[in-house]
Amino acid sequence: MSRFLRLLPAFALIVGGVPSRSQAADTASSPAESLDAPTAPATPAQKSEPAAKPSPPPPPAVIPAIAPVRVLPIDPAKQEGLIPDIKMGSGAKLKFYGYFKTSVIYDSSSPYGNDFPLPFFLAGGDAGPDGAPEFHVKARNFRIGANFEWPDKSDTLTLTGRVEGDFEGDFTRVANRNISSVRSSQFGLRLAWVRLDRKLSDQATFFALFGQDWTPFGSSTLPPLIEVTGLAVGFGGLYERLPQARFGLNIKASGSVSIGPEVAVVLPAFGNLPTDVANQLAYGERQGADSQRPEIQGRLVFQFPIDSAPGVVPAQIIGSFVNGKRRAIVRAADVPAAFKSAFPTGATVESDRNGWTAEIQLPTRAVTLAGKYYDGKDLRFYFGGQLFSTFNDTTGLTGTATGPSLDGSSTVVFGMRNGSPTVAPQTPIRAKGGMACIGFPLSRIFGATPGSRSAGWTLNLGYGYDEANAADVLRAGASNRQKSNLIYGNLNWKLNSFLTFAFEQSRYETQAIANPGAALPIFKGVPTSKADDNRSEFAAIVTF
């Protein structure tokens, strides 16, 4: 791998180099021009000057600083702000965007056979004597979307929307694709929403969004990883996308300073895994919906400039929260025989999800800092807490027996407490974690010429961390993962406005909890308290 890194500068020169001003002026005609159909020789009287070539767009005045990864901006949409690719007869505007990426990947350990990392010590995590090192070439990270704008007779109302999807879904299982299913991933929905922005005054704008979007809880700050399949799942990458109705304000306090409070009614989801495949295909999961109430989320964004240099986006300080509830139902037929008289019509048990984040994004002309800390319980669906959810707290119960929940995704425990039949509480496992990253616009730092081949070099370094509460894991009776961490660095070279080459080196590590009297999990065929993966990824990314 060190040899590969030494070859990167040479690769950059071979592909594009750093052309001088004279080289740019003396560029030869393209091959397409030399293949034009021949024409009859012109007489001196007929001779005319060749048509002028369209002049290239002027180079940017400055190399931009690194912008934080922001999927939830707070600036309101502007009327007539979309420059469309297509304008429909109705007046609606449509502009496409997207990218496709090809990655060459080597993992020193990939026990689940995935082409993306997951925490170690999940079920079936031992894959033989050497940890199952793997090589992948991946082209399924193709994403496409469209932004919309619809006309309205009011000058104070702007109506916009977005639809986005990718090919990160399941592999097909139909007969004509079974053999070749490894290269036949399916298209899936990421985003689909419509948004109304209503200007209240010169200083305030109200918005309402309906559809599937990134969640206000946890999604405001994301790591700038090259590997975006399962973006740091279980390694500090807290985020989600869910159906929601979100409402908020953008208030301009003074100058470029803005405050953005938001609140959302969100589909309650917990990442259940139904044992009945028919149930999973029918409705995915139901314990959140069975709570009979929405999940409530919100965030508060404070946006302000910290560097007035050109090409630097404003800084943000963000706080977010979530509150939700789940409910497991046991049918009368599934109540253990010893407890049927006490629960003749069945039983239910509920648990809560709560969480909060504190996030910061500080871009400057020379360096960009971003970070997030989160704390909460039952954060499995948001890829936190080592993907743990709840456990049956049987403390103080005797004569226990179990029954399956209605959706088959959990087991409910019945028992006797002080002589009375009861249902054991399902206690959410507490979690905490976060991420931090620092980005350097190398080309800007070293004074490259804007618009040249050497103007697109950037470097990102980062760390991610996720931990489940040790006491909760022990009470759950687990002797497996407790915390995971990630350290990474990626070097990016933007050849032009469409094509980027990137190399990322990362280390993913999971640590098991010390559970007295229980055996350690197995990795590489032996009991161990730690497992790791050294991961190398080279990618070519084309945007449009």
Protein backbone atom coordinates (compact mmCIF):
# COMPACT_ATOMS: atom_id res chain seq x y z
CA MET A 1 0.00 0.00 0.00
CA SER A 2 2.87 2.38 0.68
CA ARG A 3 4.06 1.75 -2.89
CA PHE A 4 0.57 2.70 -4.13
CA LEU A 5 0.68 5.98 -2.20
CA ARG A 6 4.10 6.86 -3.68
CA LEU A 7 2.62 6.40 -7.17
CA LEU A 8 -0.31 8.81 -6.64
CA PRO A 9 1.58 12.02 -7.63
CA ALA A 10 2.89 10.31 -10.77
CA PHE A 11 -0.64 9.13 -11.57
CA ALA A 12 -1.90 12.70 -11.24
CA LEU A 13 0.74 13.97 -13.69
CA ILE A 14 -0.03 11.20 -16.19
CA VAL A 15 -3.78 11.88 -16.15
CA GLY A 16 -3.72 15.65 -16.15
CA GLY A 17 -0.45 17.15 -14.98
CA VAL A 18 -0.21 20.85 -14.22
CA PRO A 19 -0.40 22.61 -17.60
CA SER A 20 1.42 25.89 -18.02
CA ARG A 21 -0.27 28.91 -19.53
CA SER A 22 1.51 28.30 -22.84
CA GLN A 23 0.47 24.64 -22.88
CA ALA A 24 -3.14 25.61 -22.33
CA ALA A 25 -2.97 28.05 -25.22
CA ASP A 26 -1.38 25.52 -27.61
CA THR A 27 -3.83 22.65 -27.02
CA ALA A 28 -4.34 20.62 -30.21
CA SER A 29 -7.68 20.03 -31.89
CA SER A 30 -9.71 17.15 -30.53
CA PRO A 31 -9.87 13.81 -32.43
CA ALA A 32 -13.53 14.45 -33.14
CA GLU A 33 -12.66 17.55 -35.12
CA SER A 34 -10.25 15.57 -37.35
CA LEU A 35 -13.02 13.10 -38.26
CA ASP A 36 -15.32 15.66 -39.83
CA ALA A 37 -16.50 14.76 -43.35
CA PRO A 38 -14.22 16.24 -46.05
CA THR A 39 -15.44 19.19 -48.09
CA ALA A 40 -14.59 20.40 -51.57
CA PRO A 41 -11.54 22.64 -51.80
CA ALA A 42 -12.51 26.25 -51.55
CA THR A 43 -11.42 28.86 -54.06
CA PRO A 44 -9.80 32.02 -52.74
CA ALA A 45 -13.06 33.84 -53.31
CA GLN A 46 -14.97 31.19 -51.35
CA LYS A 47 -12.49 30.87 -48.49
CA SER A 48 -13.81 31.97 -45.14
CA GLU A 49 -12.53 32.08 -41.60
CA PRO A 50 -13.24 28.93 -39.50
CA ALA A 51 -15.99 29.24 -36.93
CA ALA A 52 -14.69 30.40 -33.58
CA LYS A 53 -14.58 27.80 -30.87
CA PRO A 54 -16.70 28.51 -27.83
CA SER A 55 -14.54 30.04 -25.17
CA PRO A 56 -14.16 27.98 -21.99
CA PRO A 57 -15.72 29.29 -18.81
CA PRO A 58 -13.43 31.59 -16.84
CA PRO A 59 -11.48 29.91 -14.05
CA PRO A 60 -12.70 30.48 -10.51
CA ALA A 61 -11.25 33.51 -8.78
CA VAL A 62 -10.26 31.49 -5.73
CA ILE A 63 -9.87 27.88 -4.67
CA PRO A 64 -12.73 27.22 -2.23
CA ALA A 65 -12.14 26.18 1.35
CA ILE A 66 -13.44 22.77 2.47
CA ALA A 67 -17.16 22.89 3.22
CA PRO A 68 -18.53 20.60 5.95
CA VAL A 69 -20.83 17.77 4.85
CA ARG A 70 -24.25 19.38 5.31
CA VAL A 71 -27.37 17.53 4.21
CA LEU A 72 -29.70 19.85 6.16
CA PRO A 73 -28.97 23.51 5.26
CA ILE A 74 -30.97 26.23 7.00
CA ASP A 75 -31.03 28.90 4.28
CA PRO A 76 -34.52 29.31 2.79
CA ALA A 77 -35.21 28.47 -0.84
CA LYS A 78 -35.44 31.47 -3.16
CA GLN A 79 -38.12 31.96 -5.78
CA GLU A 80 -36.71 31.45 -9.30
CA GLY A 81 -33.52 30.21 -7.64
CA LEU A 82 -33.35 26.96 -9.62
CA ILE A 83 -31.60 27.01 -13.02
CA PRO A 84 -33.40 24.10 -14.73
CA ASP A 85 -32.31 21.38 -17.11
CA ILE A 86 -35.95 20.97 -18.12
CA LYS A 87 -38.81 23.45 -17.97
CA MET A 88 -42.21 21.80 -18.28
CA GLY A 89 -45.27 23.24 -19.95
CA SER A 90 -46.85 23.79 -16.56
CA GLY A 91 -43.98 26.08 -15.59
CA ALA A 92 -42.41 23.55 -13.23
CA LYS A 93 -38.60 23.39 -13.33
CA LEU A 94 -36.48 20.27 -13.05
CA LYS A 95 -32.73 19.94 -12.53
CA PHE A 96 -30.91 16.59 -12.30
CA TYR A 97 -27.87 15.77 -10.20
CA GLY A 98 -25.95 12.75 -9.04
CA TYR A 99 -22.73 10.80 -9.19
CA PHE A 100 -21.36 7.35 -9.77
CA LYS A 101 -18.34 5.89 -8.06
CA THR A 102 -16.09 2.92 -8.66
CA SER A 103 -14.09 1.71 -5.66
CA VAL A 104 -11.23 -0.75 -5.35
CA ILE A 105 -11.18 -2.01 -1.74
CA TYR A 106 -9.01 -4.20 0.44
CA ASP A 107 -10.02 -5.18 4.00
CA SER A 108 -7.63 -6.96 6.32
CA SER A 109 -10.72 -8.47 7.97
CA SER A 110 -14.28 -8.62 6.66
CA PRO A 111 -16.00 -11.38 8.64
CA TYR A 112 -19.52 -10.72 7.29
CA GLY A 113 -18.52 -10.66 3.62
CA ASN A 114 -19.77 -7.08 3.17
CA ASP A 115 -18.11 -4.48 1.00
CA PHE A 116 -18.59 -1.94 3.82
CA PRO A 117 -17.52 -2.05 7.51
CA LEU A 118 -19.66 -3.07 10.47
CA PRO A 119 -18.77 -3.46 14.17
CA PHE A 120 -17.18 -6.79 14.99
CA PHE A 121 -18.67 -9.49 17.27
CA LEU A 122 -22.10 -9.45 15.65
CA ALA A 123 -23.78 -12.84 15.23
CA GLY A 124 -21.65 -15.05 13.01
CA GLY A 125 -18.69 -12.71 13.33
CA ASP A 126 -15.98 -15.38 13.33
CA ALA A 127 -15.02 -16.17 9.74
CA GLY A 128 -12.07 -18.51 10.08
CA PRO A 129 -8.45 -18.50 11.18
CA ASP A 130 -7.34 -15.28 9.48
CA GLY A 131 -10.34 -12.97 10.00
CA ALA A 132 -11.44 -13.25 6.35
CA PRO A 133 -9.44 -10.56 4.52
CA GLU A 134 -11.26 -9.54 1.32
CA PHE A 135 -10.84 -7.67 -1.95
CA HIS A 136 -13.76 -5.88 -3.63
CA VAL A 137 -14.41 -3.78 -6.69
CA LYS A 138 -17.66 -1.89 -6.15
CA ALA A 139 -19.69 0.08 -8.69
CA ARG A 140 -23.16 0.02 -7.09
CA ASN A 141 -22.76 3.38 -5.34
CA PHE A 142 -24.59 5.17 -8.16
CA ARG A 143 -26.86 7.97 -6.97
CA ILE A 144 -29.26 10.11 -8.98
CA GLY A 145 -31.71 12.80 -7.99
CA ALA A 146 -33.69 15.77 -9.20
CA ASN A 147 -34.54 19.13 -7.67
CA PHE A 148 -37.91 20.69 -8.47
CA GLU A 149 -39.40 24.16 -8.33
CA TRP A 150 -43.06 24.91 -9.00
CA PRO A 151 -44.42 28.38 -9.83
CA ASP A 152 -46.79 30.23 -7.52
CA LYS A 153 -48.66 33.49 -8.02
CA SER A 154 -47.44 34.82 -4.65
CA ASP A 155 -44.08 36.58 -4.46
CA THR A 156 -43.65 35.43 -0.88
CA LEU A 157 -44.15 31.68 -1.40
CA THR A 158 -41.56 29.30 -2.86
CA LEU A 159 -42.45 25.66 -3.57
CA THR A 160 -39.56 23.21 -4.09
CA GLY A 161 -38.98 19.47 -3.91
CA ARG A 162 -36.45 16.69 -4.29
CA VAL A 163 -36.40 13.02 -5.27
CA GLU A 164 -33.23 10.93 -4.83
CA GLY A 165 -32.33 7.26 -5.03
CA ASP A 166 -29.38 4.91 -5.41
CA PHE A 167 -28.46 1.31 -6.20
CA GLU A 168 -27.43 0.32 -2.66
CA GLY A 169 -30.41 -1.99 -2.28
CA ASP A 170 -30.81 -5.77 -2.22
CA PHE A 171 -29.45 -8.05 -4.90
CA THR A 172 -32.06 -9.60 -7.16
CA ARG A 173 -33.20 -13.20 -6.60
CA VAL A 174 -35.08 -13.87 -9.86
CA ALA A 175 -34.05 -16.93 -11.88
CA ASN A 176 -32.51 -15.00 -14.77
CA ARG A 177 -30.21 -13.12 -12.37
CA ASN A 178 -29.33 -15.66 -9.68
CA ILE A 179 -25.89 -16.48 -11.05
CA SER A 180 -25.03 -12.84 -11.75
CA SER A 181 -26.79 -11.31 -8.72
CA VAL A 182 -23.52 -9.93 -7.29
CA ARG A 183 -23.57 -7.22 -9.95
CA SER A 184 -27.36 -6.69 -10.02
CA SER A 185 -28.15 -4.47 -7.04
CA GLN A 186 -31.56 -2.84 -6.96
CA PHE A 187 -32.64 0.79 -6.94
CA GLY A 188 -33.97 2.22 -3.68
CA LEU A 189 -35.48 5.48 -2.46
CA ARG A 190 -33.36 7.86 -0.37
CA LEU A 191 -35.23 11.17 -0.39
CA ALA A 192 -38.66 12.32 -1.61
CA TRP A 193 -40.09 15.56 -0.27
CA VAL A 194 -41.85 18.82 -1.05
CA ARG A 195 -41.11 22.05 0.81
CA LEU A 196 -42.92 25.38 1.17
CA ASP A 197 -40.96 28.49 2.13
CA ARG A 198 -43.06 31.49 3.14
CA LYS A 199 -41.36 34.86 3.56
CA LEU A 200 -42.75 36.53 6.66
CA SER A 201 -40.51 39.60 6.58
CA ASP A 202 -37.07 40.64 5.44
CA GLN A 203 -35.66 38.93 8.51
CA ALA A 204 -37.82 35.81 8.87
CA THR A 205 -38.94 32.89 6.69
CA PHE A 206 -41.17 29.99 7.70
CA PHE A 207 -40.93 26.56 6.05
CA ALA A 208 -42.87 23.31 6.06
CA LEU A 209 -41.48 20.07 4.58
CA PHE A 210 -43.45 16.89 3.89
CA GLY A 211 -41.89 13.60 2.80
CA GLN A 212 -38.76 11.56 3.38
CA ASP A 213 -35.66 13.55 4.32
CA TRP A 214 -32.68 13.40 6.65
CA THR A 215 -33.79 13.42 10.28
CA PRO A 216 -33.27 16.58 12.37
CA PHE A 217 -31.82 14.37 15.09
CA GLY A 218 -28.19 13.56 14.45
CA SER A 219 -27.97 14.15 10.69
CA SER A 220 -26.67 17.73 10.58
CA THR A 221 -22.96 16.82 10.76
CA LEU A 222 -21.56 13.83 8.86
CA PRO A 223 -18.00 12.53 8.39
CA PRO A 224 -16.32 13.19 5.00
CA LEU A 225 -15.62 9.52 4.34
CA ILE A 226 -15.06 8.13 0.86
CA GLU A 227 -16.88 4.93 1.91
CA VAL A 228 -20.50 6.06 2.21
CA THR A 229 -22.19 2.64 2.21
CA GLY A 230 -23.26 2.36 5.83
CA LEU A 231 -21.54 5.64 6.64
CA ALA A 232 -19.59 4.84 9.86
CA VAL A 233 -22.40 2.57 11.09
CA GLY A 234 -21.56 1.74 14.72
CA PHE A 235 -18.47 3.96 14.54
CA GLY A 236 -19.88 7.38 15.46
CA GLY A 237 -21.90 7.96 12.28
CA LEU A 238 -25.24 8.95 13.84
CA TYR A 239 -27.88 9.83 11.19
CA GLU A 240 -31.03 8.60 9.41
CA ARG A 241 -33.55 9.37 6.66
CA LEU A 242 -37.26 8.97 7.50
CA PRO A 243 -40.76 10.08 6.45
CA GLN A 244 -41.62 13.24 8.35
CA ALA A 245 -43.48 16.52 8.54
CA ARG A 246 -40.98 19.21 9.53
CA PHE A 247 -41.57 22.87 10.36
CA GLY A 248 -39.13 25.64 11.09
CA LEU A 249 -38.00 29.23 10.86
CA ASN A 250 -34.98 31.01 9.46
CA ILE A 251 -34.38 34.20 11.41
CA LYS A 252 -31.69 36.64 10.29
CA ALA A 253 -30.43 38.16 13.51
CA SER A 254 -28.01 40.61 11.89
CA GLY A 255 -25.97 40.57 8.71
CA SER A 256 -24.98 37.00 7.91
CA VAL A 257 -26.02 35.62 11.30
CA SER A 258 -29.03 33.27 11.20
CA ILE A 259 -30.94 31.15 13.72
CA GLY A 260 -32.92 28.13 12.59
CA PRO A 261 -35.27 26.36 15.04
CA GLU A 262 -37.01 23.25 13.65
CA VAL A 263 -39.38 20.57 14.93
CA ALA A 264 -40.58 17.43 13.16
CA VAL A 265 -43.18 14.69 13.47
CA VAL A 266 -41.34 11.57 12.32
CA LEU A 267 -42.23 7.94 11.63
CA PRO A 268 -41.19 5.98 14.77
CA ALA A 269 -38.77 3.25 13.67
CA PHE A 270 -36.44 1.03 15.70
CA GLY A 271 -34.67 -1.26 13.26
CA ASN A 272 -36.47 -4.42 14.34
CA LEU A 273 -35.60 -7.70 12.65
CA PRO A 274 -38.78 -9.80 12.31
CA THR A 275 -38.12 -13.51 12.36
CA ASP A 276 -41.08 -14.04 10.05
CA VAL A 277 -39.86 -13.09 6.56
CA ALA A 278 -43.45 -12.56 5.41
CA ASN A 279 -43.89 -9.94 8.13
CA GLN A 280 -40.63 -8.25 7.17
CA LEU A 281 -41.68 -8.06 3.51
CA ALA A 282 -45.14 -6.82 4.41
CA TYR A 283 -44.39 -3.97 6.78
CA GLY A 284 -40.74 -4.13 7.81
CA GLU A 285 -41.36 -3.48 11.48
CA ARG A 286 -44.24 -2.34 13.66
CA GLN A 287 -43.21 -1.78 17.27
CA GLY A 288 -42.77 1.96 16.64
CA ALA A 289 -46.11 2.31 14.89
CA ASP A 290 -47.74 0.20 17.61
CA SER A 291 -46.82 2.89 20.15
CA GLN A 292 -49.72 4.91 18.67
CA ARG A 293 -47.73 8.14 18.68
CA PRO A 294 -45.19 9.88 16.42
CA GLU A 295 -41.56 10.34 17.18
CA ILE A 296 -40.76 13.98 17.97
CA GLN A 297 -37.47 15.45 16.81
CA GLY A 298 -36.02 18.91 16.59
CA ARG A 299 -32.87 20.91 16.12
CA LEU A 300 -31.60 24.44 16.66
CA VAL A 301 -28.97 25.85 14.29
CA PHE A 302 -26.90 28.98 14.88
CA GLN A 303 -25.16 30.02 11.64
CA PHE A 304 -22.53 32.75 11.53
CA PRO A 305 -19.39 33.74 9.57
CA ILE A 306 -15.99 33.22 11.19
CA ASP A 307 -13.79 33.86 8.15
CA SER A 308 -14.65 36.58 5.64
CA ALA A 309 -12.27 35.22 2.98
CA PRO A 310 -13.88 34.31 -0.36
CA GLY A 311 -14.86 30.69 -0.86
CA VAL A 312 -15.55 30.02 2.83
CA VAL A 313 -19.05 28.96 3.94
CA PRO A 314 -20.49 30.12 7.29
CA ALA A 315 -19.92 28.22 10.52
CA GLN A 316 -22.68 26.43 12.42
CA ILE A 317 -23.37 25.35 16.00
CA ILE A 318 -26.19 22.79 16.23
CA GLY A 319 -28.17 21.01 18.91
CA SER A 320 -30.77 18.28 18.24
CA PHE A 321 -33.04 15.91 20.18
CA VAL A 322 -35.34 12.92 19.75
CA ASN A 323 -38.13 11.38 21.81
CA GLY A 324 -39.95 8.23 20.76
CA LYS A 325 -41.72 5.16 22.10
CA ARG A 326 -41.98 1.51 21.11
CA ARG A 327 -44.57 -1.11 22.11
CA ALA A 328 -44.24 -4.88 21.89
CA ILE A 329 -47.50 -6.85 21.73
CA VAL A 330 -47.99 -10.49 22.76
CA ARG A 331 -51.15 -12.19 21.50
CA ALA A 332 -53.26 -14.25 23.89
CA ALA A 333 -52.23 -17.42 22.05
CA ASP A 334 -48.54 -16.66 22.65
CA VAL A 335 -48.77 -15.98 26.40
CA PRO A 336 -46.97 -18.79 28.31
CA ALA A 337 -49.39 -21.34 29.78
CA ALA A 338 -48.53 -20.47 33.39
CA PHE A 339 -49.61 -16.84 32.82
CA LYS A 340 -52.69 -17.22 30.62
CA SER A 341 -55.10 -16.68 33.50
CA ALA A 342 -53.33 -13.43 34.44
CA PHE A 343 -53.14 -12.19 30.81
CA PRO A 344 -56.21 -13.75 29.10
CA THR A 345 -56.25 -11.27 26.20
CA GLY A 346 -52.50 -10.93 25.78
CA ALA A 347 -49.93 -8.45 27.07
CA THR A 348 -47.93 -5.36 26.08
CA VAL A 349 -44.66 -3.79 27.17
CA GLU A 350 -43.33 -0.35 26.28
CA SER A 351 -39.98 1.45 26.26
CA ASP A 352 -38.76 4.95 25.42
CA ARG A 353 -36.09 6.35 23.13
CA ASN A 354 -34.43 9.63 24.06
CA GLY A 355 -31.31 11.28 22.69
CA TRP A 356 -29.52 14.56 22.06
CA THR A 357 -26.56 15.86 20.10
CA ALA A 358 -24.19 18.84 20.23
CA GLU A 359 -22.50 19.62 16.90
CA ILE A 360 -20.07 22.20 15.56
CA GLN A 361 -18.78 23.11 12.09
CA LEU A 362 -16.02 25.70 11.75
CA PRO A 363 -14.80 26.34 8.18
CA THR A 364 -11.87 28.71 7.53
CA ARG A 365 -9.71 29.42 4.49
CA ALA A 366 -6.93 27.07 5.69
CA VAL A 367 -8.66 24.39 7.76
CA THR A 368 -12.19 23.13 8.46
CA LEU A 369 -13.14 21.55 11.79
CA ALA A 370 -16.34 19.58 12.40
CA GLY A 371 -17.51 17.47 15.31
CA LYS A 372 -20.52 15.84 16.94
CA TYR A 373 -21.25 14.31 20.34
CA TYR A 374 -24.38 12.28 21.06
CA ASP A 375 -25.97 10.66 24.08
CA GLY A 376 -29.16 8.68 24.41
CA LYS A 377 -30.79 5.27 24.68
CA ASP A 378 -32.10 2.77 22.13
CA LEU A 379 -30.17 4.39 19.26
CA ARG A 380 -29.91 1.24 17.13
CA PHE A 381 -31.98 2.68 14.27
CA TYR A 382 -29.65 5.70 14.15
CA PHE A 383 -26.61 3.37 13.96
CA GLY A 384 -25.47 4.09 17.51
CA GLY A 385 -25.07 2.13 20.73
CA GLN A 386 -23.23 -0.69 18.93
CA LEU A 387 -26.57 -1.51 17.28
CA PHE A 388 -28.06 -2.68 20.59
CA SER A 389 -31.70 -1.84 21.31
CA THR A 390 -33.41 -3.11 24.49
CA PHE A 391 -33.15 -6.03 26.89
CA ASN A 392 -35.62 -7.78 29.19
CA ASP A 393 -34.82 -6.70 32.74
CA THR A 394 -35.67 -9.80 34.78
CA THR A 395 -34.18 -8.49 38.03
CA GLY A 396 -36.35 -9.67 40.94
CA LEU A 397 -38.50 -11.99 38.83
CA THR A 398 -39.03 -15.68 39.53
CA GLY A 399 -40.65 -18.46 37.55
CA THR A 400 -39.98 -16.73 34.24
CA ALA A 401 -41.28 -17.85 30.85
CA THR A 402 -41.19 -16.21 27.42
CA GLY A 403 -43.53 -15.40 24.57
CA PRO A 404 -42.81 -13.91 21.13
CA SER A 405 -43.94 -10.41 20.20
CA LEU A 406 -46.58 -10.06 17.50
CA ASP A 407 -44.05 -9.12 14.83
CA GLY A 408 -41.57 -11.79 15.88
CA SER A 409 -38.78 -9.28 16.41
CA SER A 410 -38.41 -9.64 20.19
CA THR A 411 -39.08 -11.99 23.06
CA VAL A 412 -41.21 -10.84 26.01
CA VAL A 413 -40.50 -12.28 29.46
CA PHE A 414 -43.24 -13.08 31.98
CA GLY A 415 -42.54 -13.74 35.63
CA MET A 416 -43.61 -13.44 39.25
CA ARG A 417 -42.71 -10.41 41.37
CA ASN A 418 -43.70 -10.61 45.04
CA GLY A 419 -46.22 -13.29 44.14
CA SER A 420 -47.90 -11.28 41.37
CA PRO A 421 -47.62 -12.15 37.66
CA THR A 422 -46.03 -9.40 35.61
CA VAL A 423 -44.16 -8.63 32.40
CA ALA A 424 -40.46 -7.81 32.60
CA PRO A 425 -39.63 -4.25 31.49
CA GLN A 426 -37.83 -3.91 28.17
CA THR A 427 -35.04 -1.52 29.12
CA PRO A 428 -33.30 0.52 26.39
CA ILE A 429 -29.51 0.28 26.30
CA ARG A 430 -27.82 3.61 26.81
CA ALA A 431 -25.26 4.87 24.32
CA LYS A 432 -22.86 7.71 23.61
CA GLY A 433 -20.34 8.59 20.94
CA GLY A 434 -19.36 11.09 18.34
CA MET A 435 -17.01 12.09 15.58
CA ALA A 436 -14.41 14.74 14.79
CA CYS A 437 -12.74 15.61 11.51
CA ILE A 438 -10.33 18.18 10.15
CA GLY A 439 -10.00 19.11 6.49
CA PHE A 440 -7.21 20.89 4.65
CA PRO A 441 -7.63 22.54 1.20
CA LEU A 442 -4.08 21.64 0.18
CA SER A 443 -4.17 23.43 -3.15
CA ARG A 444 -5.32 26.67 -1.53
CA ILE A 445 -2.77 26.39 1.27
CA PHE A 446 0.10 25.91 -1.18
CA GLY A 447 -1.02 28.66 -3.55
CA ALA A 448 -2.09 26.66 -6.61
CA THR A 449 -3.58 28.54 -9.55
CA PRO A 450 -7.40 28.45 -9.49
CA GLY A 451 -8.75 26.39 -12.37
CA SER A 452 -5.49 24.50 -12.94
CA ARG A 453 -5.00 20.76 -12.61
CA SER A 454 -3.23 21.33 -9.31
CA ALA A 455 -6.16 23.25 -7.80
CA GLY A 456 -8.17 20.22 -6.61
CA TRP A 457 -6.11 18.61 -3.83
CA THR A 458 -7.73 18.18 -0.39
CA LEU A 459 -6.96 16.12 2.73
CA ASN A 460 -9.35 14.94 5.46
CA LEU A 461 -8.41 13.32 8.77
CA GLY A 462 -11.01 12.01 11.20
CA TYR A 463 -12.03 9.92 14.18
CA GLY A 464 -15.29 8.24 15.16
CA TYR A 465 -16.40 6.56 18.38
CA ASP A 466 -19.49 4.70 19.57
CA GLU A 467 -20.09 2.99 22.92
CA ALA A 468 -22.90 1.06 24.57
CA ASN A 469 -23.22 1.47 28.33
CA ALA A 470 -21.20 -1.34 29.94
CA ALA A 471 -23.63 -1.87 32.82
CA ASP A 472 -26.56 -2.21 30.41
CA VAL A 473 -24.69 -4.65 28.18
CA LEU A 474 -23.81 -6.78 31.20
CA ARG A 475 -27.40 -6.74 32.45
CA ALA A 476 -28.45 -7.84 28.97
CA GLY A 477 -26.26 -10.91 29.49
CA ALA A 478 -24.06 -10.11 26.51
CA SER A 479 -20.37 -10.97 26.32
CA ASN A 480 -19.68 -9.26 23.03
CA ARG A 481 -19.10 -5.77 21.63
CA GLN A 482 -19.19 -2.73 23.85
CA LYS A 483 -17.44 0.02 21.87
CA SER A 484 -15.96 0.67 18.45
CA ASN A 485 -13.73 3.37 17.05
CA LEU A 486 -12.60 4.51 13.63
CA ILE A 487 -9.60 6.52 12.49
CA TYR A 488 -9.21 7.53 8.85
CA GLY A 489 -7.55 9.81 6.36
CA ASN A 490 -8.41 10.47 2.73
CA LEU A 491 -6.56 12.32 -0.02
CA ASN A 492 -8.65 13.71 -2.90
CA TRP A 493 -7.66 15.10 -6.27
CA LYS A 494 -10.34 16.83 -8.32
CA LEU A 495 -9.16 16.53 -11.94
CA ASN A 496 -11.90 18.87 -13.17
CA SER A 497 -15.39 19.90 -12.15
CA PHE A 498 -16.71 16.38 -12.85
CA LEU A 499 -14.05 13.78 -11.97
CA THR A 500 -12.35 13.17 -8.61
CA PHE A 501 -9.82 10.50 -7.63
CA ALA A 502 -9.60 9.62 -3.93
CA PHE A 503 -7.67 7.29 -1.67
CA GLU A 504 -8.76 6.47 1.87
CA GLN A 505 -6.89 4.54 4.54
CA SER A 506 -8.85 3.64 7.67
CA ARG A 507 -8.78 1.41 10.73
CA TYR A 508 -12.00 0.04 12.24
CA GLU A 509 -11.76 -1.53 15.70
CA THR A 510 -14.25 -3.10 18.13
CA GLN A 511 -13.65 -3.95 21.78
CA ALA A 512 -15.59 -6.60 23.69
CA ILE A 513 -16.88 -6.11 27.19
CA ALA A 514 -15.30 -8.00 30.06
CA ASN A 515 -18.11 -10.15 31.41
CA PRO A 516 -16.98 -12.13 34.46
CA GLY A 517 -17.88 -15.78 34.18
CA ALA A 518 -18.66 -15.55 30.45
CA ALA A 519 -16.46 -16.52 27.56
CA LEU A 520 -15.01 -13.87 25.28
CA PRO A 521 -16.30 -13.71 21.70
CA ILE A 522 -14.45 -15.69 19.04
CA PHE A 523 -12.39 -13.96 16.35
CA LYS A 524 -9.87 -15.67 14.08
CA GLY A 525 -10.85 -18.89 15.80
CA VAL A 526 -9.81 -17.87 19.34
CA PRO A 527 -11.40 -15.94 22.24
CA THR A 528 -10.42 -12.27 22.11
CA SER A 529 -11.41 -8.89 23.48
CA LYS A 530 -10.52 -6.89 20.35
CA ALA A 531 -10.90 -7.15 16.57
CA ASP A 532 -9.85 -4.75 13.83
CA ASP A 533 -9.87 -4.11 10.09
CA ASN A 534 -7.26 -2.08 8.21
CA ARG A 535 -9.08 -0.83 5.14
CA SER A 536 -7.73 0.68 1.91
CA GLU A 537 -10.01 2.14 -0.74
CA PHE A 538 -9.23 3.86 -4.04
CA ALA A 539 -12.17 5.52 -5.81
CA ALA A 540 -12.96 7.33 -9.05
CA ILE A 541 -16.01 9.58 -8.60
CA VAL A 542 -17.88 11.28 -11.45
CA THR A 543 -20.49 13.92 -10.58
CA PHE A 544 -23.14 15.52 -12.78
